[in-house]
Protein backbone atom coordinates (compact mmCIF):
# COMPACT_ATOMS: atom_id res chain seq x y z
CA MET A 1 75.56 62.33 72.75
CA PRO A 2 74.85 65.79 71.25
CA LEU A 3 75.92 68.86 73.25
CA PRO A 4 73.26 71.28 74.59
CA ASP A 5 72.39 74.17 72.33
CA GLY A 6 73.87 76.71 74.81
CA ILE A 7 77.31 75.10 74.73
CA ASN A 8 77.21 74.77 70.92
CA LEU A 9 76.45 78.49 70.69
CA VAL A 10 79.40 79.41 72.94
CA MET A 11 81.76 77.16 70.98
CA ASP A 12 80.63 78.75 67.70
CA LYS A 13 81.36 82.22 69.07
CA VAL A 14 84.80 81.15 70.32
CA SER A 15 85.59 79.60 66.94
CA HIS A 16 84.43 82.75 65.18
CA LEU A 17 86.56 84.96 67.46
CA HIS A 18 89.57 82.71 66.89
CA GLN A 19 89.16 82.99 63.10
CA ILE A 20 88.94 86.82 63.28
CA THR A 21 92.13 86.91 65.38
CA VAL A 22 94.01 84.61 62.99
CA ASP A 23 92.91 86.65 59.97
CA HIS A 24 94.04 89.85 61.69
CA LEU A 25 97.48 88.49 62.68
CA ARG A 26 98.15 87.21 59.14
CA LYS A 27 98.67 90.82 58.16
CA TYR A 28 101.89 91.00 60.21
CA ASP A 29 105.33 89.53 59.59
CA PRO A 30 105.86 86.41 61.82
CA LEU A 31 109.20 87.87 62.96
CA VAL A 32 107.45 91.04 64.18
CA LEU A 33 104.91 88.95 66.07
CA THR A 34 107.65 86.85 67.68
CA ILE A 35 109.63 89.93 68.75
CA SER A 36 106.47 91.59 70.09
CA VAL A 37 105.55 88.56 72.20
CA PHE A 38 109.11 88.17 73.48
CA GLY A 39 109.48 91.91 74.21
CA GLY A 40 106.07 92.10 75.87
CA THR A 41 106.97 89.18 78.12
CA LEU A 42 110.23 90.85 79.18
CA VAL A 43 108.42 94.12 79.94
CA TYR A 44 105.81 92.25 81.96
CA LEU A 45 108.46 90.42 84.00
CA LYS A 46 110.37 93.66 84.62
CA VAL A 47 107.26 95.54 85.74
CA SER A 48 106.25 92.61 87.95
CA ARG A 49 109.63 92.60 89.67
CA ILE A 50 109.50 96.36 90.24
CA TYR A 51 105.99 96.09 91.62
CA SER A 52 106.84 93.22 93.97
CA ARG A 53 109.99 94.95 95.22
CA SER A 54 107.98 97.03 97.69
CA GLU A 55 104.86 96.57 99.78
CA GLN A 56 103.97 100.26 99.59
CA PRO A 57 100.73 101.14 97.77
CA LEU A 58 101.31 102.01 94.12
CA LEU A 59 100.01 105.59 94.53
CA LYS A 60 102.39 106.21 97.42
CA ARG A 61 105.30 104.87 95.40
CA LEU A 62 104.39 107.06 92.43
CA ARG A 63 104.21 110.09 94.71
CA ALA A 64 107.60 109.24 96.19
CA TYR A 65 109.04 108.75 92.69
CA ALA A 66 107.72 112.14 91.56
CA PHE A 67 109.18 113.79 94.66
CA ALA A 68 112.53 112.08 94.08
CA GLN A 69 112.64 113.34 90.49
CA ALA A 70 111.78 116.85 91.62
CA ARG A 71 114.65 116.71 94.11
CA LYS A 72 117.08 116.44 91.20
CA LEU A 73 116.25 120.00 90.10
CA PRO A 74 119.03 122.39 91.22
CA PHE A 75 116.73 124.99 92.82
CA VAL A 76 114.91 122.25 94.76
CA GLN A 77 118.25 120.87 95.96
CA ARG A 78 119.32 124.31 97.15
CA LYS A 79 116.04 124.84 98.96
CA ILE A 80 116.20 121.47 100.73
CA ALA A 81 119.87 121.96 101.67
CA LYS A 82 119.05 125.37 103.15
CA GLU A 83 116.14 123.97 105.16
CA MET A 84 118.09 120.95 106.42
CA ALA A 85 121.31 122.75 107.34
CA PRO A 86 120.09 123.94 110.78
CA ALA A 87 118.76 120.47 111.61
CA LYS A 88 122.09 118.86 110.70
CA ALA A 89 123.92 121.42 112.83
CA ASP A 90 121.62 120.62 115.75
CA ILE A 91 122.32 116.90 115.31
CA LEU A 92 126.08 117.48 115.37
CA LYS A 93 125.72 119.66 118.44
CA SER A 94 123.54 117.13 120.29
CA ILE A 95 125.91 114.23 119.59
CA HIS A 96 128.84 116.12 121.10
CA LYS A 97 127.04 117.94 123.91
CA ASP A 98 128.68 115.79 126.61
CA ASP A 99 132.19 116.25 125.21
CA ASN A 100 133.39 118.79 127.76
CA ASP A 101 137.01 119.23 126.67
CA ARG A 102 136.46 119.24 122.89
CA VAL A 103 139.91 117.76 122.30
CA PHE A 104 139.94 115.25 119.43
CA ILE A 105 142.87 112.92 118.79
CA ALA A 106 143.18 112.59 115.02
CA GLU A 107 146.81 111.51 114.66
CA LEU A 108 149.10 109.02 116.34
CA PRO A 109 151.13 110.64 119.10
CA LYS A 110 154.80 110.88 118.13
CA LYS A 111 155.72 109.23 121.38
CA GLY A 112 153.42 106.68 122.99
CA LYS A 113 151.65 107.60 126.22
CA THR A 114 152.25 105.74 129.45
CA PRO A 115 149.64 103.26 130.71
CA VAL A 116 148.69 105.72 133.45
CA GLU A 117 148.14 108.53 130.93
CA VAL A 118 146.01 106.32 128.70
CA GLN A 119 143.94 105.13 131.64
CA GLN A 120 143.41 108.70 132.82
CA LEU A 121 142.18 109.70 129.38
CA ALA A 122 139.85 106.69 129.22
CA THR A 123 138.43 107.62 132.64
CA GLN A 124 137.88 111.17 131.41
CA TYR A 125 135.97 109.87 128.36
CA ASP A 126 133.93 107.52 130.54
CA ALA A 127 132.81 110.49 132.64
CA TYR A 128 131.01 111.96 129.59
CA GLY A 129 128.09 109.58 130.16
CA ARG A 130 125.28 111.23 132.13
CA PHE A 131 122.62 108.51 132.29
CA ASP A 132 122.42 106.57 135.55
CA VAL A 133 122.16 102.98 134.39
CA SER A 134 122.26 101.52 137.90
CA GLU A 135 119.13 103.47 138.91
CA GLY A 136 117.02 101.81 136.21
CA LYS A 137 116.64 104.91 134.04
CA VAL A 138 118.04 103.43 130.82
CA SER A 139 115.90 101.17 128.64
CA GLY A 140 117.81 98.02 127.70
CA THR A 141 121.42 98.84 126.70
CA VAL A 142 123.15 97.51 129.86
CA TYR A 143 121.49 94.30 131.01
CA THR A 144 123.47 93.48 134.14
CA ASP A 145 124.46 95.12 137.40
CA ARG A 146 128.19 95.28 136.55
CA ALA A 147 129.28 93.75 139.87
CA ASP A 148 132.95 94.32 140.71
CA GLU A 149 133.70 90.63 141.18
CA HIS A 150 132.32 89.82 137.73
CA LEU A 151 134.20 92.67 136.05
CA GLU A 152 137.46 91.78 137.77
CA MET A 153 137.14 88.20 136.54
CA LEU A 154 136.38 89.38 133.00
CA ALA A 155 139.40 91.70 133.06
CA LYS A 156 141.66 88.74 133.87
CA ILE A 157 140.02 86.55 131.19
CA TYR A 158 140.31 89.34 128.63
CA HIS A 159 143.94 89.84 129.59
CA ASP A 160 144.68 86.19 128.77
CA TYR A 161 142.66 86.02 125.53
CA ALA A 162 142.96 89.58 124.14
CA TYR A 163 144.83 88.49 121.02
CA SER A 164 143.24 85.08 120.46
CA ASN A 165 141.43 84.30 117.21
CA PRO A 166 139.10 81.30 116.72
CA LEU A 167 139.88 81.42 112.99
CA HIS A 168 143.20 79.79 113.87
CA ALA A 169 141.93 76.87 115.92
CA ASP A 170 145.32 75.16 115.89
CA VAL A 171 147.04 78.20 117.40
CA PHE A 172 144.27 78.94 119.92
CA PRO A 173 142.71 75.58 120.84
CA GLY A 174 141.45 76.88 124.18
CA VAL A 175 139.31 79.65 122.75
CA ARG A 176 138.06 77.26 120.07
CA LYS A 177 136.82 74.98 122.85
CA MET A 178 135.25 77.91 124.77
CA GLU A 179 133.31 79.00 121.66
CA ALA A 180 132.06 75.44 121.05
CA GLU A 181 130.98 75.08 124.69
CA VAL A 182 129.05 78.37 124.68
CA ILE A 183 127.19 77.29 121.53
CA ARG A 184 126.35 73.86 122.96
CA ILE A 185 125.18 75.33 126.30
CA VAL A 186 122.73 77.60 124.48
CA LEU A 187 121.58 74.83 122.12
CA ASN A 188 120.72 72.70 125.15
CA LEU A 189 118.83 75.60 126.77
CA TYR A 190 116.62 75.60 123.68
CA HIS A 191 116.15 71.80 123.69
CA ALA A 192 118.02 71.31 120.43
CA PRO A 193 117.99 67.70 119.18
CA ALA A 194 120.99 65.49 118.47
CA GLY A 195 122.78 66.66 115.34
CA SER A 196 122.00 70.33 115.99
CA SER A 197 124.62 73.00 115.41
CA GLY A 198 125.25 76.72 115.64
CA SER A 199 127.68 79.65 115.48
CA LEU A 200 128.82 82.43 117.78
CA THR A 201 128.32 85.83 116.13
CA THR A 202 128.97 89.45 117.09
CA GLY A 203 125.33 90.24 117.88
CA GLY A 204 121.69 89.68 117.05
CA THR A 205 121.86 91.43 113.70
CA GLU A 206 124.62 89.14 112.48
CA SER A 207 122.78 86.08 113.82
CA ILE A 208 119.66 87.09 111.88
CA ILE A 209 121.64 87.87 108.72
CA MET A 210 123.37 84.47 108.94
CA ALA A 211 120.05 82.62 109.26
CA CYS A 212 118.57 84.49 106.28
CA PHE A 213 121.75 83.89 104.28
CA ALA A 214 121.46 80.15 104.99
CA TYR A 215 117.82 80.09 103.91
CA ARG A 216 118.64 82.13 100.79
CA ASN A 217 121.21 79.49 99.85
CA LEU A 218 118.83 76.65 100.66
CA ALA A 219 116.08 78.27 98.57
CA GLN A 220 118.38 78.69 95.59
CA ALA A 221 119.41 75.04 95.91
CA ARG A 222 115.69 74.22 95.71
CA GLY A 223 115.31 76.29 92.54
CA ILE A 224 113.75 79.43 94.07
CA GLU A 225 115.22 82.38 92.16
CA SER A 226 113.77 85.23 94.23
CA PRO A 227 113.51 84.03 97.87
CA VAL A 228 111.10 85.84 100.20
CA ILE A 229 111.33 86.37 103.97
CA LEU A 230 107.89 86.39 105.61
CA CYS A 231 107.83 88.14 108.99
CA ALA A 232 105.61 90.41 111.08
CA THR A 233 105.59 94.20 110.83
CA THR A 234 107.01 94.10 114.37
CA ALA A 235 109.95 91.84 113.42
CA HIS A 236 113.38 93.35 113.98
CA ALA A 237 114.74 95.63 111.25
CA ALA A 238 117.71 93.25 110.98
CA PHE A 239 115.49 91.08 108.73
CA ASP A 240 115.13 94.03 106.33
CA LYS A 241 118.90 94.45 106.47
CA ALA A 242 119.38 90.75 105.78
CA ALA A 243 117.04 90.92 102.78
CA HIS A 244 118.97 93.89 101.41
CA LEU A 245 122.39 92.29 101.88
CA CYS A 246 121.35 88.85 100.61
CA GLY A 247 119.41 90.08 97.59
CA MET A 248 116.13 88.73 98.96
CA ARG A 249 112.63 90.13 99.18
CA ILE A 250 110.82 90.68 102.46
CA ARG A 251 107.07 90.80 103.07
CA HIS A 252 105.61 92.00 106.34
CA VAL A 253 102.65 90.25 107.90
CA PRO A 254 100.16 92.41 109.85
CA VAL A 255 99.72 91.94 113.59
CA ASP A 256 96.55 91.64 115.66
CA ALA A 257 95.28 94.04 118.33
CA ASN A 258 97.72 92.52 120.81
CA CYS A 259 100.67 93.12 118.46
CA ARG A 260 101.05 89.39 117.71
CA LEU A 261 101.68 88.15 114.20
CA ASP A 262 98.41 87.30 112.44
CA VAL A 263 98.84 83.63 111.48
CA LYS A 264 95.86 83.64 109.12
CA ALA A 265 97.35 86.60 107.25
CA MET A 266 100.72 84.83 107.11
CA LYS A 267 99.04 81.75 105.66
CA ARG A 268 97.42 83.85 102.90
CA MET A 269 100.78 85.45 102.05
CA ILE A 270 102.65 82.16 101.53
CA THR A 271 103.79 81.63 97.95
CA ASN A 272 106.24 79.29 96.25
CA ASP A 273 108.97 81.93 96.72
CA VAL A 274 108.78 82.08 100.53
CA CYS A 275 111.96 80.57 101.95
CA VAL A 276 111.53 81.23 105.69
CA LEU A 277 108.74 82.07 108.14
CA VAL A 278 109.77 84.27 111.08
CA GLY A 279 108.34 84.57 114.59
CA SER A 280 109.65 86.70 117.47
CA SER A 281 109.96 85.61 121.09
CA PRO A 282 109.43 88.41 121.96
CA ASN A 283 109.29 91.21 119.38
CA TYR A 284 111.31 94.35 120.07
CA PRO A 285 108.65 97.12 119.87
CA THR A 286 106.05 95.81 122.34
CA GLY A 287 107.61 92.72 123.93
CA THR A 288 104.82 90.46 122.65
CA ILE A 289 105.61 86.83 121.81
CA ASP A 290 104.34 85.73 118.40
CA PRO A 291 102.29 82.48 118.13
CA ILE A 292 105.37 80.32 117.48
CA LYS A 293 103.47 77.02 117.73
CA GLU A 294 101.08 78.00 114.93
CA ILE A 295 103.92 79.36 112.79
CA SER A 296 105.77 76.06 113.31
CA GLU A 297 102.71 74.15 112.11
CA LEU A 298 102.50 76.38 109.02
CA GLY A 299 106.14 75.67 108.27
CA LEU A 300 105.63 71.92 108.53
CA LYS A 301 102.51 72.01 106.36
CA HIS A 302 104.16 74.00 103.57
CA ASN A 303 107.69 72.59 103.97
CA ILE A 304 109.10 76.04 104.78
CA PRO A 305 111.81 76.58 107.44
CA VAL A 306 110.82 78.55 110.55
CA HIS A 307 113.20 80.93 112.33
CA VAL A 308 112.50 82.13 115.87
CA ASP A 309 114.08 85.46 116.74
CA ALA A 310 114.76 85.25 120.49
CA CYS A 311 117.58 87.80 120.39
CA LEU A 312 115.96 90.16 122.89
CA GLY A 313 114.58 87.63 125.37
CA GLY A 314 117.14 84.94 124.64
CA PHE A 315 118.30 84.52 128.24
CA LEU A 316 114.88 85.08 129.81
CA VAL A 317 112.41 82.93 127.88
CA PRO A 318 114.29 79.63 128.48
CA PHE A 319 114.06 80.24 132.25
CA MET A 320 110.50 81.57 132.51
CA GLU A 321 108.85 78.24 133.27
CA GLU A 322 111.27 77.44 136.10
CA ALA A 323 110.89 81.02 137.36
CA GLY A 324 107.16 80.41 137.79
CA TYR A 325 105.80 82.08 134.67
CA GLY A 326 103.82 80.13 132.09
CA ILE A 327 104.96 80.31 128.50
CA ASP A 328 103.93 78.46 125.34
CA LEU A 329 106.50 76.34 123.53
CA PHE A 330 108.80 78.44 121.37
CA ASP A 331 111.97 76.40 120.83
CA PHE A 332 113.21 73.23 119.11
CA ARG A 333 110.59 71.13 120.90
CA LEU A 334 108.30 72.42 118.15
CA PRO A 335 109.14 70.24 115.13
CA GLY A 336 108.68 73.05 112.60
CA VAL A 337 111.27 75.34 114.24
CA THR A 338 114.49 74.99 112.25
CA SER A 339 116.62 77.85 113.61
CA ILE A 340 116.76 80.30 116.54
CA SER A 341 118.78 83.45 117.22
CA CYS A 342 119.63 84.28 120.85
CA ASP A 343 121.74 87.13 122.23
CA THR A 344 124.03 86.23 125.10
CA HIS A 345 125.11 89.87 125.42
CA LYS A 346 121.66 90.97 126.59
CA TYR A 347 120.11 89.04 129.49
CA GLY A 348 122.98 86.56 129.36
CA CYS A 349 124.94 89.47 130.87
CA THR A 350 128.04 88.85 128.73
CA PRO A 351 130.02 91.85 127.43
CA LYS A 352 128.85 93.21 124.10
CA GLY A 353 129.80 91.26 121.02
CA SER A 354 128.24 87.81 121.38
CA SER A 355 125.11 86.13 120.07
CA ILE A 356 124.22 82.60 118.96
CA VAL A 357 122.49 81.42 115.78
CA MET A 358 121.26 77.82 116.14
CA TYR A 359 120.12 75.23 113.59
CA ARG A 360 118.17 72.01 114.04
CA THR A 361 120.65 70.13 111.83
CA GLN A 362 124.23 70.46 110.67
CA GLU A 363 122.98 70.30 107.09
CA LEU A 364 121.04 73.53 107.60
CA HIS A 365 124.05 75.10 109.30
CA HIS A 366 126.21 74.23 106.30
CA HIS A 367 124.13 76.58 104.13
CA GLN A 368 125.50 79.42 106.30
CA PHE A 369 129.15 78.54 105.69
CA PHE A 370 131.23 80.22 102.99
CA THR A 371 134.15 78.56 101.25
CA VAL A 372 136.54 79.30 98.40
CA PRO A 373 138.31 75.97 97.77
CA GLU A 374 140.57 77.22 94.96
CA TRP A 375 141.83 80.53 96.42
CA SER A 376 145.56 81.08 95.81
CA GLY A 377 146.01 81.87 99.49
CA GLY A 378 144.84 78.40 100.47
CA ILE A 379 141.44 76.86 101.10
CA TYR A 380 139.25 79.60 102.61
CA ALA A 381 136.34 78.68 104.88
CA THR A 382 134.42 80.77 107.44
CA PRO A 383 131.27 80.02 109.45
CA THR A 384 130.03 83.64 109.75
CA ILE A 385 130.51 87.03 108.08
CA ALA A 386 133.87 87.69 109.74
CA GLY A 387 137.12 85.98 108.92
CA SER A 388 139.17 86.72 111.99
CA ARG A 389 137.07 86.83 115.13
CA ALA A 390 137.73 88.27 118.58
CA GLY A 391 138.55 85.26 120.72
CA ALA A 392 138.23 87.47 123.80
CA ASN A 393 134.49 87.86 123.05
CA ALA A 394 134.03 84.10 123.16
CA ALA A 395 136.19 83.82 126.28
CA VAL A 396 134.32 86.43 128.34
CA ALA A 397 130.94 85.05 127.17
CA TRP A 398 132.05 81.56 128.28
CA ALA A 399 133.31 82.92 131.61
CA THR A 400 130.06 84.81 132.29
CA LEU A 401 127.81 81.80 131.64
CA LEU A 402 129.86 79.64 133.97
CA TYR A 403 130.14 82.37 136.61
CA LEU A 404 126.40 83.14 136.84
CA GLY A 405 125.02 79.62 136.39
CA LYS A 406 121.45 78.46 135.84
CA ASP A 407 120.09 79.27 139.33
CA GLU A 408 121.19 82.90 139.07
CA TYR A 409 119.70 83.26 135.58
CA VAL A 410 116.40 81.86 136.86
CA ARG A 411 116.45 84.25 139.83
CA ARG A 412 117.17 87.27 137.64
CA CYS A 413 114.50 86.19 135.17
CA ARG A 414 111.96 86.00 138.01
CA GLU A 415 112.81 89.47 139.31
CA ILE A 416 112.88 91.15 135.87
CA ILE A 417 109.54 89.72 134.77
CA LYS A 418 107.96 90.48 138.15
CA SER A 419 109.03 94.14 137.81
CA THR A 420 107.83 94.24 134.19
CA ARG A 421 104.35 93.11 135.15
CA VAL A 422 104.15 95.52 138.08
CA ILE A 423 104.97 98.40 135.72
CA ALA A 424 102.48 97.15 133.12
CA GLN A 425 99.70 96.99 135.71
CA GLY A 426 100.68 100.38 137.11
CA MET A 427 100.61 102.00 133.67
CA LYS A 428 96.97 100.94 133.27
CA LYS A 429 96.10 103.21 136.21
CA ILE A 430 97.71 106.33 134.73
CA ALA A 431 95.18 108.65 133.11
CA GLY A 432 95.64 108.93 129.33
CA ILE A 433 98.19 106.11 129.06
CA LYS A 434 97.35 103.06 126.97
CA LEU A 435 99.44 99.87 126.84
CA MET A 436 100.53 98.34 123.53
CA GLY A 437 101.01 94.60 123.34
CA SER A 438 100.94 92.25 126.28
CA SER A 439 104.39 92.70 127.90
CA ASP A 440 104.97 88.95 127.76
CA VAL A 441 108.61 89.16 128.84
CA SER A 442 110.52 92.35 129.72
CA VAL A 443 109.17 95.22 127.59
CA VAL A 444 106.36 97.65 128.46
CA ALA A 445 105.19 99.71 125.48
CA PHE A 446 102.71 102.54 125.90
CA THR A 447 100.93 105.20 123.88
CA SER A 448 98.01 107.62 124.30
CA ASP A 449 94.79 108.52 122.55
CA GLN A 450 94.51 111.78 124.48
CA PHE A 451 97.87 113.48 123.99
CA ASN A 452 101.15 113.12 122.11
CA ILE A 453 103.12 110.36 123.80
CA TYR A 454 106.42 111.72 122.47
CA ALA A 455 105.99 114.78 124.67
CA VAL A 456 105.79 112.45 127.67
CA GLY A 457 109.03 110.86 126.51
CA ASP A 458 110.70 114.27 126.20
CA LEU A 459 109.74 115.14 129.80
CA LEU A 460 111.04 111.78 131.03
CA HIS A 461 114.27 112.41 129.13
CA LYS A 462 114.70 115.64 131.10
CA LYS A 463 114.32 113.60 134.28
CA GLY A 464 117.30 111.46 133.25
CA TYR A 465 115.53 108.60 131.46
CA ASN A 466 116.69 107.12 128.18
CA LEU A 467 113.69 105.31 126.66
CA ASN A 468 113.00 103.95 123.19
CA THR A 469 110.84 105.82 120.68
CA LEU A 470 108.50 103.74 118.49
CA GLN A 471 106.50 104.68 115.41
CA ASN A 472 103.65 103.34 113.27
CA PRO A 473 101.91 103.88 115.65
CA GLN A 474 103.55 106.47 117.89
CA ALA A 475 104.59 104.95 121.20
CA ILE A 476 107.38 104.61 123.76
CA HIS A 477 108.75 101.52 125.43
CA VAL A 478 110.92 100.70 128.38
CA CYS A 479 112.95 97.49 128.20
CA LEU A 480 113.56 96.36 131.76
CA THR A 481 116.94 94.99 132.76
CA TYR A 482 118.29 93.69 136.03
CA ASN A 483 118.92 97.34 136.96
CA HIS A 484 115.12 97.90 136.98
CA ALA A 485 114.36 94.78 139.02
CA ASN A 486 113.75 96.48 142.36
CA GLU A 487 110.87 98.23 144.05
CA LYS A 488 112.62 101.62 144.18
CA ALA A 489 113.24 101.79 140.41
CA VAL A 490 109.74 100.52 139.56
CA ASN A 491 107.94 102.99 141.85
CA ALA A 492 110.10 105.91 140.68
CA PHE A 493 109.39 105.13 137.02
CA LEU A 494 105.62 104.89 137.52
CA ALA A 495 105.58 108.15 139.52
CA ASP A 496 107.60 109.98 136.85
CA VAL A 497 105.38 108.71 134.01
CA ARG A 498 102.28 109.74 135.97
CA GLU A 499 103.65 113.24 136.47
CA ALA A 500 104.78 113.63 132.85
CA ALA A 501 101.43 112.38 131.50
CA ALA A 502 99.54 114.83 133.72
CA THR A 503 101.74 117.72 132.58
CA VAL A 504 101.27 116.96 128.88
CA SER A 505 97.51 116.35 129.21
CA GLN A 506 97.12 119.82 130.76
CA SER A 507 99.17 121.59 128.07
CA PRO A 508 97.19 123.59 125.46
CA ASP A 509 98.54 121.66 122.46
CA LYS A 510 98.55 118.26 124.19
CA GLY A 511 102.24 117.87 123.47
CA LYS A 512 102.11 118.32 119.71
CA GLY A 513 104.83 120.95 119.86
CA SER A 514 107.48 118.77 121.50
CA ALA A 515 110.78 118.28 119.68
CA THR A 516 110.32 114.55 119.14
CA ALA A 517 106.69 114.96 118.09
CA ALA A 518 107.73 117.56 115.52
CA LEU A 519 110.53 115.36 114.17
CA TYR A 520 108.40 112.24 113.73
CA GLY A 521 105.43 114.28 112.51
CA MET A 522 107.58 115.75 109.77
CA ALA A 523 109.00 112.33 108.86
CA ALA A 524 105.51 110.87 108.50
CA GLN A 525 104.49 113.58 106.02
CA VAL A 526 107.53 113.34 103.75
CA PRO A 527 106.61 111.42 100.57
CA ASP A 528 110.22 110.47 99.80
CA MET A 529 111.90 108.58 102.66
CA SER A 530 115.31 109.50 101.23
CA LEU A 531 114.94 112.82 103.06
CA VAL A 532 114.52 110.96 106.35
CA GLU A 533 117.47 108.76 105.39
CA GLU A 534 119.53 111.88 104.80
CA MET A 535 118.88 112.97 108.37
CA THR A 536 119.85 109.55 109.69
CA PHE A 537 123.03 109.78 107.63
CA ALA A 538 123.69 113.15 109.27
CA TYR A 539 123.34 111.48 112.67
CA LEU A 540 125.73 108.67 111.75
CA ASP A 541 128.21 111.14 110.23
CA ALA A 542 128.07 113.19 113.44
CA CYS A 543 129.02 110.12 115.48
CA TYR A 544 132.36 109.96 113.63
CA ALA A 545 132.96 113.70 113.33
CA GLU A 546 135.29 115.92 115.32
CA PRO A 547 133.40 117.88 117.98
CA PRO A 548 132.38 121.39 116.92
CA LYS A 549 134.09 124.21 118.76
CA GLN A 550 132.10 125.62 121.65
């Protein structure tokens, strides 16, 4: 059957174009053509990798690159150093402002101090702190009431296990058992199936890094050379840290008006390189729970593991249903969920230094392990980043879970969430204040369209509050703990926010001149984030520095 005239015409033109190309290429040496194709391919791959390394718009990256190159010029370096010197001095001064005696121990004493002398010095250092945690003025940070009976028990447990190390399970079988029991207790709270497994880590960041490390290893076993983490813009920065440490890429999914991960956007961003989908329960900035059920379904459909970050609400969300608050499924009852991170040292009320990373199967957990079978020092195998681990951390976590028990966790959950929702409703009645997110668990985030919210935060800071500053967009949040779970603390907070908001709204500049507003305003305008990093380095350096003389 003859082809239509239109198709014949197109084929003739293609054939003619092909002949012109062949005639043109005959002029060149085949070796030159081969090298050109090979070199061009390498350049393309290199440029593609550079382009995909960041989500920033190309123009913004070019501007940042130009700024970074300009910073290398000596006169520019001198100018920047001169401008930043006062800010660095202010940072050093602010870090040490509570150090009243300005005595810094930098060398071992020739003769050891007595226990009484050491305890007196420790008490003196403890008195530096000026924030009243028990009055509910500190966001997050200390999640329990620090009852004497609890602390006395922990002191005895710590005394007995201070030098234990789970790395040596044969020497310390008791602490090995404690660690295993803590992990299994938490796995059961999250309805983990038979064959599930997990590890005790030093905190949420390590739990997240371990999960990403496992999925990096799984992806490479599947032939994925450049694994990608897919998470919301509101996901914890520990995922960025994990990507950096594990040599992975990370892509951030936008959120909806309620600060929940946009599942449709996540679906569009899935590629063959994605090795894990992440949902938060809840996220840190606004306290909103991502649509975990829908993320789980995406994971099943595309055969991609799903990690649920429950670090913040880890010992609230499992008890919400029993406490009388409805909550969608978020744990291992969803078949697509393959791992969960949960901090025991937040609402679990254990001392700092314990978190759990959980896996649906032992096989997944194995991808987290690290071994060197042929090391000259013997077969080396560790489940987490650390080799030696503080057995005392496992012991006091174990003791706290047994001491408080399920009924007390449910009661505390009920009181914390009740107080959270009272504050959220109260904030809606304050002129100029606008809520961010839905305060699904224990966080109330707020901003303003009428004045600079950072100025409100600065005024609250002067009243003794220690709140969390958010950005992109500008906002503040308070993370409620058991110390906030009472009518007095709730009413005082709402009254103080109302007063601060009224003061800022009546100011001529609407708070634009506040210290925090100026700092974040400057940071937002800097094209090269290395300048902002330099200031954060100055802060971290100041934390380890000797106090400046008064």
